[in-house]
Amino acid sequence: MPVHTPRVVIAGGTGFLGTALAAEVSRRGAEAVLLTRTPRPDLPYRQIRWDAVGQGGWTAELDGPDVRVANLAGKLVDCRPTAAAIAALRDSRVHATRALVRAATAARAPIQHWLQASTTAIWSDGGQARLTESSPVPEVPPGLPQMTGVAVPWEAAAADAPAEHLHVMRISIVLGGDSPVLQRLMLPVRMGLGGPVGSGEQWFSWIHLTDWLELACAALGLSEVTIPDGVLVAAAPHPVRNAELMAAMRRHVGRPDWAPRTPGPLVRLGSVVLRTDPALALTGRHVTSELLDHDAFRYPHLDGAIAALEETTL
């Protein structure tokens, strides 16, 4: 029986997570094919242009003997929380997912492994609750990072994906490389601020890029690690509060132990200037997985994760 090189089709493949995943699956012997609106000449992978809505020539990439899909497509959440922006966040995810499902349904063979991105922000502002895969999703209006109104239809759009194994990965903040969130968090620290934001009590759930890549490759059948089908939380086992997060970042870049608190009203004012959503800093959630082996994380604690990033990121 012929052995075929796995083809991993990465939708949204030229973003932060997509490029990191392409490098990792290539290192593990698979072919990475990136679906993107705007191909990047600096990347060494095969790139196919698509509009993330309709069908087209790109659909041929899903028709093969050993195809795996990583659906990471979607507009960045770092934007003002207007109705139009929230609709764009939802539509960019839902339309891309539906397009992939339609193309895969028309293929001659089912997809072997399907990694469907989602977000831990599906639980909105979690307050002090301890959330896991089995925690119910609240009914709240769409918002950022309270993306329940975005993430629920996003996940639902993948429900009929013709895949032997479907993993819906609710991803927390990924720290590593050119992480946009990490760069945004470092901005006040570099400006000599970097104290607790708002109350400082809001939870920050996160995962190091190395650990996320291992989970992603497990979902794609490219790892010795096995994970269950269905919903899975991609978050390190030890979330921290915002005050702990900011203190850790100050410590690792040599800033003073103490920094002034940034009050909520100032965050809201600054978010207008920075064209972002104040809720990204003022809310959070404590999310961990009840299905993963916490001892298997390479970076279970924030200090170790940030130390590993010091030379390349901070």
Foldseek 3Di string as FASTA:
>chain_A
DDDDAEEEEEEVLVDDLNVVLCVVVVVLRHAYEYEDCDDDPVHPHHYDYDPLAADDPVLVSLADDAYEYEYPWFDDQFFAWDPVVLVRRQCRLLRNLLRNQVSQVPHPAAHAFYEQEAAPLLQPFAPPDEAAPPDDRDDDDDGPVNHVVRRVSSVVSNPNRRYPFAEYEHEFQEDADVRPVVVVLCVCLVVQALAQEAVQQAKGWYAYSVQVSQVVCLSRVSHPDHFHGDYHYHTAQDIDGRRVVSQLSNVLVVHDSHHDYHHLVNLCVVCVVVRGYSCNRVGHHNYDYPGDDNVPGPDNDDNVSVNVRSVRHD
